[in-house]
Amino acid sequence: MKVSKLTYNPKWTALLIVSICLTGMLIGNYVQRFRISEYRWIYQYGSYLNLIMVFGSLCWSLVHPLIVWSNRKPEWKKYLIWIIVGLIPLIYFISMMIIVEIRFGNKIT
């Protein structure tokens, strides 16, 4: 019996992280239509799904470079582009927080 070894593929994982984040954002935008309707349950479950997908991809985006570095220590520089692609959701979140702070600095209470 042949046992297959599960390997962490940085290319597919980086693309999966970005696609999960974008899908979560699109779901969050789409379910806003059902906020005030008789199908409010779609809005409630969709917003939960949105939070899970976006924050899950943010956490995975934070852990992704560490996993790539620990699994491929001697050759991690070959995967630098996929590390950066996997960091896109985290970079987006941090940049939006900085923009909000600069724009609305003292107005948020």
Protein backbone atom coordinates (compact mmCIF):
# COMPACT_ATOMS: atom_id res chain seq x y z
CA MET A 1 0.00 0.00 0.00
CA LYS A 2 1.38 3.35 -1.06
CA VAL A 3 1.06 6.20 1.41
CA SER A 4 1.04 9.64 -0.14
CA LYS A 5 2.73 12.48 1.65
CA LEU A 6 0.73 15.66 2.05
CA THR A 7 2.82 18.58 0.88
CA TYR A 8 2.18 22.29 1.25
CA ASN A 9 2.15 23.80 -2.24
CA PRO A 10 2.87 27.55 -1.90
CA LYS A 11 1.52 28.45 -5.34
CA TRP A 12 -1.92 26.88 -4.95
CA THR A 13 -2.15 27.92 -1.33
CA ALA A 14 -1.42 31.58 -2.12
CA LEU A 15 -4.05 31.61 -4.85
CA LEU A 16 -6.52 29.89 -2.54
CA ILE A 17 -5.95 32.47 0.21
CA VAL A 18 -6.62 35.37 -2.17
CA SER A 19 -9.66 33.70 -3.74
CA ILE A 20 -11.21 32.90 -0.33
CA CYS A 21 -10.76 36.52 0.75
CA LEU A 22 -12.27 37.91 -2.46
CA THR A 23 -15.16 35.45 -2.34
CA GLY A 24 -15.87 36.42 1.26
CA MET A 25 -15.92 40.11 0.32
CA LEU A 26 -18.25 39.45 -2.60
CA ILE A 27 -20.60 37.39 -0.42
CA GLY A 28 -20.65 40.19 2.15
CA ASN A 29 -21.54 42.70 -0.53
CA TYR A 30 -24.19 40.49 -2.13
CA VAL A 31 -26.10 39.57 1.05
CA GLN A 32 -26.66 43.24 1.93
CA ARG A 33 -29.66 43.12 -0.43
CA PHE A 34 -31.45 40.79 1.97
CA ARG A 35 -30.89 42.95 5.04
CA ILE A 36 -34.40 44.35 5.09
CA SER A 37 -36.62 41.68 3.56
CA GLU A 38 -38.45 38.51 4.44
CA TYR A 39 -35.26 36.61 3.58
CA ARG A 40 -33.27 38.15 6.42
CA TRP A 41 -31.85 34.73 7.27
CA ILE A 42 -29.84 34.89 4.03
CA TYR A 43 -28.29 38.13 5.28
CA GLN A 44 -27.53 36.67 8.71
CA TYR A 45 -25.91 33.47 7.50
CA GLY A 46 -24.16 35.28 4.65
CA SER A 47 -22.65 37.83 6.99
CA TYR A 48 -21.38 35.03 9.27
CA LEU A 49 -19.90 33.29 6.25
CA ASN A 50 -18.35 36.59 5.15
CA LEU A 51 -16.67 37.08 8.54
CA ILE A 52 -15.38 33.52 8.67
CA MET A 53 -13.97 33.63 5.14
CA VAL A 54 -12.35 37.08 5.36
CA PHE A 55 -10.87 36.74 8.84
CA GLY A 56 -9.87 33.14 8.14
CA SER A 57 -7.98 34.23 5.05
CA LEU A 58 -6.34 37.03 7.04
CA CYS A 59 -5.11 34.56 9.65
CA TRP A 60 -4.00 32.10 6.98
CA SER A 61 -2.26 34.93 5.16
CA LEU A 62 -0.31 35.68 8.32
CA VAL A 63 0.70 32.04 8.83
CA HIS A 64 1.40 31.23 5.15
CA PRO A 65 4.92 32.74 4.96
CA LEU A 66 5.93 30.96 8.16
CA ILE A 67 4.77 27.60 6.79
CA VAL A 68 6.58 28.13 3.48
CA TRP A 69 9.74 29.20 5.28
CA SER A 70 9.69 26.29 7.72
CA ASN A 71 8.99 23.66 5.05
CA ARG A 72 11.48 24.95 2.49
CA LYS A 73 14.25 26.64 4.48
CA PRO A 74 17.09 26.33 1.95
CA GLU A 75 14.99 27.30 -1.08
CA TRP A 76 12.43 29.74 0.34
CA LYS A 77 13.65 32.57 -1.91
CA LYS A 78 12.35 30.67 -4.94
CA TYR A 79 8.86 30.98 -3.47
CA LEU A 80 9.09 34.68 -2.57
CA ILE A 81 6.54 35.73 -5.19
CA TRP A 82 4.01 33.22 -3.81
CA ILE A 83 4.71 34.40 -0.28
CA ILE A 84 3.91 37.97 -1.37
CA VAL A 85 0.76 36.85 -3.25
CA GLY A 86 -0.37 35.01 -0.12
CA LEU A 87 0.16 38.17 1.91
CA ILE A 88 -2.19 40.26 -0.30
CA PRO A 89 -5.22 40.00 2.06
CA LEU A 90 -3.08 41.02 5.04
CA ILE A 91 -1.50 43.89 3.12
CA TYR A 92 -4.96 45.03 1.99
CA PHE A 93 -6.34 44.95 5.53
CA ILE A 94 -3.38 46.86 7.00
CA SER A 95 -3.40 49.47 4.23
CA MET A 96 -7.15 50.05 4.62
CA MET A 97 -6.72 50.49 8.39
CA ILE A 98 -3.97 53.05 7.77
CA ILE A 99 -6.09 54.92 5.20
CA VAL A 100 -9.07 55.03 7.58
CA GLU A 101 -6.87 56.31 10.40
CA ILE A 102 -5.35 59.03 8.22
CA ARG A 103 -8.64 60.11 6.73
CA PHE A 104 -10.89 59.96 9.79
CA GLY A 105 -8.25 60.27 12.56
CA ASN A 106 -10.00 62.26 15.26
CA LYS A 107 -13.55 61.92 13.88
CA ILE A 108 -14.01 58.30 14.96
CA THR A 109 -15.37 58.07 18.50
